[in-house]
Amino acid sequence: MIDWREAASGAWHGVRNGPTVTYGLIAACCLVFLIGPVSGLNPAHGTGDASLAAQSAYFHRWGVVPAELTSGGPRTLLTPLTALFVHGNWLHLLGNMLFLYVFGAMAEERMGQGPFLLFYLVCGCLALLGYAAAYADSAQTLVGASGAISAVLGAFLYLFPRSRVTSLFPFLLFLPLRFPAWIVLIFWFALQWTAARTAGAGPGVAYLAHVIGFAVGFLYAWGRYRRWSGRAVLPDRDGDGSAAS
């Protein structure tokens, strides 16, 4: 789905000192995953049934369990934050980190390092809390940075709507085509919205958290930057911003 060359140029283009917060978040998520039981690389967690038991306990300790969020003690109140750094498998981690790498750098450059970090963490927590409120009786554990990254995508849509995005769509025979960011991200949001309306609280992807994160991110960018006469489009050699999806 991602054009790697576009991803690299989009992440670095226009960022004065490098996306240090974006890279720090990626490093933190990767480190947490590697030392946890899900990666399978830490022998302390055992193998076979012992490893599965360790994974279940790990998710329950650090992830959001909606049914326990308000009745599980002070520790559970921190889980919307800790869950942002926990991922369910390698594909979950790599997919999220790639999207953060591509879209986070330009958003960080526009917002500034401190505000971007606060934006990421607060929006990620709100996305998880919104999902938990919608499925308050669910005992399924919710983990991952998808809500926070969806907020980055929402902010990106407002800040960089004319940036060109190279995408591969299955129904177009995976041809690499370039579209304005607003087309790709609105299409992505529509898919998440459609999936959220049919998904429940069982195992799988928490599409509602994606929808909430995206909406919160877009509204924040609209409220914070709408007075600026010039949108945050960083021109590349062709006169467009560069990203990937």
Protein backbone atom coordinates (compact mmCIF):
# COMPACT_ATOMS: atom_id res chain seq x y z
CA MET A 1 0.00 0.00 0.00
CA ILE A 2 2.98 2.34 0.57
CA ASP A 3 5.48 3.74 -1.89
CA TRP A 4 8.66 3.60 0.23
CA ARG A 5 10.54 6.26 -1.74
CA GLU A 6 7.62 8.65 -1.39
CA ALA A 7 7.46 7.79 2.30
CA ALA A 8 11.08 8.71 2.87
CA SER A 9 10.94 11.98 0.95
CA GLY A 10 7.61 12.94 2.49
CA ALA A 11 8.78 12.31 6.02
CA TRP A 12 11.90 14.43 5.72
CA HIS A 13 10.86 17.15 3.30
CA GLY A 14 10.61 20.53 4.96
CA VAL A 15 11.48 19.32 8.48
CA ARG A 16 14.24 21.60 9.69
CA ASN A 17 15.88 19.49 12.39
CA GLY A 18 14.37 16.13 11.58
CA PRO A 19 11.14 14.73 13.06
CA THR A 20 12.64 14.00 16.47
CA VAL A 21 9.32 13.49 18.27
CA THR A 22 7.99 11.27 15.49
CA TYR A 23 11.13 9.18 15.57
CA GLY A 24 11.05 9.08 19.37
CA LEU A 25 7.49 7.75 19.35
CA ILE A 26 8.40 5.14 16.75
CA ALA A 27 11.43 4.08 18.78
CA ALA A 28 9.38 3.85 21.99
CA CYS A 29 6.69 1.70 20.36
CA CYS A 30 9.29 -0.59 18.78
CA LEU A 31 11.24 -0.96 22.03
CA VAL A 32 8.11 -1.77 24.04
CA PHE A 33 7.11 -4.35 21.44
CA LEU A 34 10.54 -6.00 21.27
CA ILE A 35 10.88 -6.48 25.03
CA GLY A 36 7.27 -7.60 25.44
CA PRO A 37 5.95 -11.16 25.06
CA VAL A 38 4.26 -10.57 21.68
CA SER A 39 7.48 -10.22 19.69
CA GLY A 40 8.64 -13.69 20.70
CA LEU A 41 12.19 -12.37 21.08
CA ASN A 42 12.36 -12.21 24.86
CA PRO A 43 13.07 -15.68 26.28
CA ALA A 44 11.90 -14.55 29.73
CA HIS A 45 8.30 -14.94 28.55
CA GLY A 46 8.71 -18.59 27.67
CA THR A 47 7.25 -20.45 24.70
CA GLY A 48 4.02 -22.21 23.80
CA ASP A 49 1.26 -21.93 26.38
CA ALA A 50 3.49 -19.93 28.72
CA SER A 51 4.04 -17.33 26.02
CA LEU A 52 0.31 -17.10 25.26
CA ALA A 53 -0.48 -16.65 28.94
CA ALA A 54 2.17 -13.94 29.19
CA GLN A 55 0.69 -12.14 26.18
CA SER A 56 -2.81 -12.24 27.65
CA ALA A 57 -1.60 -10.87 30.98
CA TYR A 58 0.48 -8.24 29.20
CA PHE A 59 -2.45 -6.93 27.17
CA HIS A 60 -4.71 -6.92 30.21
CA ARG A 61 -2.20 -5.00 32.30
CA TRP A 62 -1.28 -2.29 29.79
CA GLY A 63 -4.27 -2.19 27.44
CA VAL A 64 -7.70 -0.59 27.82
CA VAL A 65 -10.47 -2.90 29.03
CA PRO A 66 -13.67 -0.83 28.73
CA ALA A 67 -15.56 -2.80 31.36
CA GLU A 68 -12.80 -2.20 33.91
CA LEU A 69 -11.84 1.35 33.03
CA THR A 70 -13.79 3.05 35.81
CA SER A 71 -13.91 0.19 38.30
CA GLY A 72 -10.47 -1.36 38.16
CA GLY A 73 -8.55 1.04 40.40
CA PRO A 74 -6.16 3.94 39.74
CA ARG A 75 -3.88 1.87 37.48
CA THR A 76 -6.60 1.37 34.90
CA LEU A 77 -6.96 5.13 34.50
CA LEU A 78 -3.48 5.19 32.96
CA THR A 79 -4.19 2.45 30.44
CA PRO A 80 -5.43 4.83 27.68
CA LEU A 81 -1.90 6.23 27.72
CA THR A 82 0.05 2.99 28.08
CA ALA A 83 -2.08 1.25 25.44
CA LEU A 84 -0.74 3.69 22.82
CA PHE A 85 2.65 1.99 23.02
CA VAL A 86 1.44 -1.64 22.97
CA HIS A 87 0.75 -3.54 19.74
CA GLY A 88 -0.84 -6.88 19.06
CA ASN A 89 1.55 -8.33 16.49
CA TRP A 90 4.31 -7.46 14.04
CA LEU A 91 1.91 -6.37 11.28
CA HIS A 92 0.01 -4.13 13.69
CA LEU A 93 3.24 -2.48 14.80
CA LEU A 94 4.81 -2.05 11.36
CA GLY A 95 1.64 -0.72 9.75
CA ASN A 96 1.11 1.88 12.46
CA MET A 97 4.74 2.96 12.54
CA LEU A 98 4.90 3.37 8.78
CA PHE A 99 1.87 5.65 8.78
CA LEU A 100 3.32 7.63 11.69
CA TYR A 101 6.67 7.90 9.89
CA VAL A 102 5.08 9.20 6.71
CA PHE A 103 2.47 11.60 8.06
CA GLY A 104 3.88 12.51 11.45
CA ALA A 105 6.96 14.41 10.30
CA MET A 106 5.16 17.14 8.40
CA ALA A 107 2.52 17.55 11.10
CA GLU A 108 5.30 17.81 13.69
CA GLU A 109 7.09 20.44 11.65
CA ARG A 110 3.94 22.56 11.47
CA MET A 111 2.86 22.15 15.11
CA GLY A 112 6.27 22.15 16.77
CA GLN A 113 7.78 19.31 18.76
CA GLY A 114 6.16 19.91 22.16
CA PRO A 115 2.67 20.67 20.86
CA PHE A 116 2.83 17.73 18.46
CA LEU A 117 3.74 15.31 21.25
CA LEU A 118 0.91 16.61 23.43
CA PHE A 119 -1.48 16.47 20.48
CA TYR A 120 -0.52 12.88 19.72
CA LEU A 121 -0.90 11.63 23.29
CA VAL A 122 -4.11 13.50 24.11
CA CYS A 123 -5.85 12.60 20.86
CA GLY A 124 -4.77 8.98 21.19
CA CYS A 125 -6.21 8.79 24.71
CA LEU A 126 -9.45 10.45 23.58
CA ALA A 127 -9.83 7.95 20.75
CA LEU A 128 -9.44 5.02 23.13
CA LEU A 129 -11.73 6.58 25.73
CA GLY A 130 -14.35 7.24 23.06
CA TYR A 131 -14.27 3.60 22.01
CA ALA A 132 -14.45 2.48 25.64
CA ALA A 133 -17.47 4.72 26.24
CA ALA A 134 -19.26 3.25 23.22
CA TYR A 135 -18.58 -0.32 24.37
CA ALA A 136 -18.57 0.20 28.12
CA ASP A 137 -19.47 -3.43 28.89
CA SER A 138 -16.81 -4.96 26.67
CA ALA A 139 -14.12 -7.13 28.26
CA GLN A 140 -11.98 -7.07 25.11
CA THR A 141 -8.59 -5.43 25.48
CA LEU A 142 -7.81 -2.45 23.26
CA VAL A 143 -4.17 -1.71 22.37
CA GLY A 144 -2.26 0.18 19.71
CA ALA A 145 -1.39 3.65 18.46
CA SER A 146 -4.01 3.62 15.70
CA GLY A 147 -6.23 6.20 17.38
CA ALA A 148 -3.35 8.65 17.83
CA ILE A 149 -2.09 8.08 14.29
CA SER A 150 -5.61 8.55 12.94
CA ALA A 151 -5.59 11.93 14.67
CA VAL A 152 -2.35 12.75 12.84
CA LEU A 153 -4.07 11.82 9.58
CA GLY A 154 -7.01 14.06 10.41
CA ALA A 155 -4.72 16.99 11.17
CA PHE A 156 -2.74 16.25 8.00
CA LEU A 157 -5.93 16.44 5.94
CA TYR A 158 -6.57 19.98 7.15
CA LEU A 159 -2.97 21.19 7.12
CA PHE A 160 -1.77 19.61 3.87
CA PRO A 161 -4.84 18.94 1.68
CA ARG A 162 -3.01 19.56 -1.61
CA SER A 163 -0.01 17.35 -0.89
CA ARG A 164 0.34 14.60 -3.46
CA VAL A 165 -0.04 11.06 -2.15
CA THR A 166 1.12 7.93 -3.96
CA SER A 167 -1.28 5.09 -3.23
CA LEU A 168 -2.02 1.56 -4.36
CA PHE A 169 -5.67 0.54 -4.50
CA PRO A 170 -6.59 -3.16 -4.88
CA PHE A 171 -9.63 -2.39 -7.05
CA LEU A 172 -7.33 -0.46 -9.44
CA LEU A 173 -5.05 -3.48 -9.89
CA PHE A 174 -2.52 -2.02 -7.41
CA LEU A 175 -1.35 0.60 -9.89
CA PRO A 176 0.71 3.34 -8.16
CA LEU A 177 -1.32 6.51 -8.63
CA ARG A 178 -0.85 10.00 -7.21
CA PHE A 179 -3.81 11.82 -5.70
CA PRO A 180 -4.25 14.92 -3.55
CA ALA A 181 -4.11 14.04 0.14
CA TRP A 182 -7.70 15.14 0.68
CA ILE A 183 -8.99 12.48 -1.72
CA VAL A 184 -6.96 9.64 -0.19
CA LEU A 185 -7.62 10.56 3.44
CA ILE A 186 -11.33 11.16 2.97
CA PHE A 187 -11.53 7.80 1.19
CA TRP A 188 -9.65 6.20 4.11
CA PHE A 189 -11.97 7.85 6.63
CA ALA A 190 -15.04 6.65 4.73
CA LEU A 191 -13.75 3.09 4.89
CA GLN A 192 -13.16 3.36 8.64
CA TRP A 193 -16.60 4.89 9.17
CA THR A 194 -18.30 2.14 7.18
CA ALA A 195 -16.40 -0.57 9.03
CA ALA A 196 -17.10 1.04 12.42
CA ARG A 197 -20.85 0.94 11.78
CA THR A 198 -20.79 -2.83 11.26
CA ALA A 199 -18.06 -3.82 13.73
CA GLY A 200 -18.79 -4.80 17.30
CA ALA A 201 -16.70 -4.87 20.44
CA GLY A 202 -15.23 -8.30 19.77
CA PRO A 203 -11.70 -9.21 18.66
CA GLY A 204 -10.47 -7.39 15.60
CA VAL A 205 -9.78 -3.83 14.52
CA ALA A 206 -11.24 -1.01 16.64
CA TYR A 207 -12.48 1.04 13.70
CA LEU A 208 -14.46 3.37 15.94
CA ALA A 209 -11.23 4.48 17.64
CA HIS A 210 -9.86 5.35 14.18
CA VAL A 211 -12.95 7.41 13.37
CA ILE A 212 -12.84 9.26 16.69
CA GLY A 213 -9.10 9.92 16.45
CA PHE A 214 -9.37 11.21 12.89
CA ALA A 215 -12.27 13.52 13.75
CA VAL A 216 -10.54 14.88 16.85
CA GLY A 217 -7.31 15.50 14.93
CA PHE A 218 -9.08 17.28 12.10
CA LEU A 219 -11.14 19.44 14.46
CA TYR A 220 -8.07 20.37 16.46
CA ALA A 221 -6.19 21.45 13.33
CA TRP A 222 -9.22 23.37 12.08
CA GLY A 223 -9.65 25.18 15.40
CA ARG A 224 -5.95 25.86 15.89
CA TYR A 225 -4.85 26.82 12.37
CA ARG A 226 -7.94 28.05 10.51
CA ARG A 227 -6.94 31.71 10.94
CA TRP A 228 -3.76 31.18 8.99
CA SER A 229 -4.17 32.54 5.48
CA GLY A 230 -1.66 30.10 4.00
CA ARG A 231 -2.22 26.39 4.42
CA ALA A 232 0.73 24.32 5.53
CA VAL A 233 1.67 22.91 2.14
CA LEU A 234 5.39 22.29 1.82
CA PRO A 235 6.24 22.34 -1.90
CA ASP A 236 8.43 19.67 -3.39
CA ARG A 237 10.13 19.89 -6.76
CA ASP A 238 6.82 19.55 -8.53
CA GLY A 239 5.16 22.18 -6.35
CA ASP A 240 3.24 19.71 -4.14
CA GLY A 241 3.80 18.30 -0.72
CA SER A 242 4.83 14.67 -0.61
CA ALA A 243 3.48 11.85 1.47
CA ALA A 244 2.23 8.32 1.04
CA SER A 245 -0.71 6.18 1.99
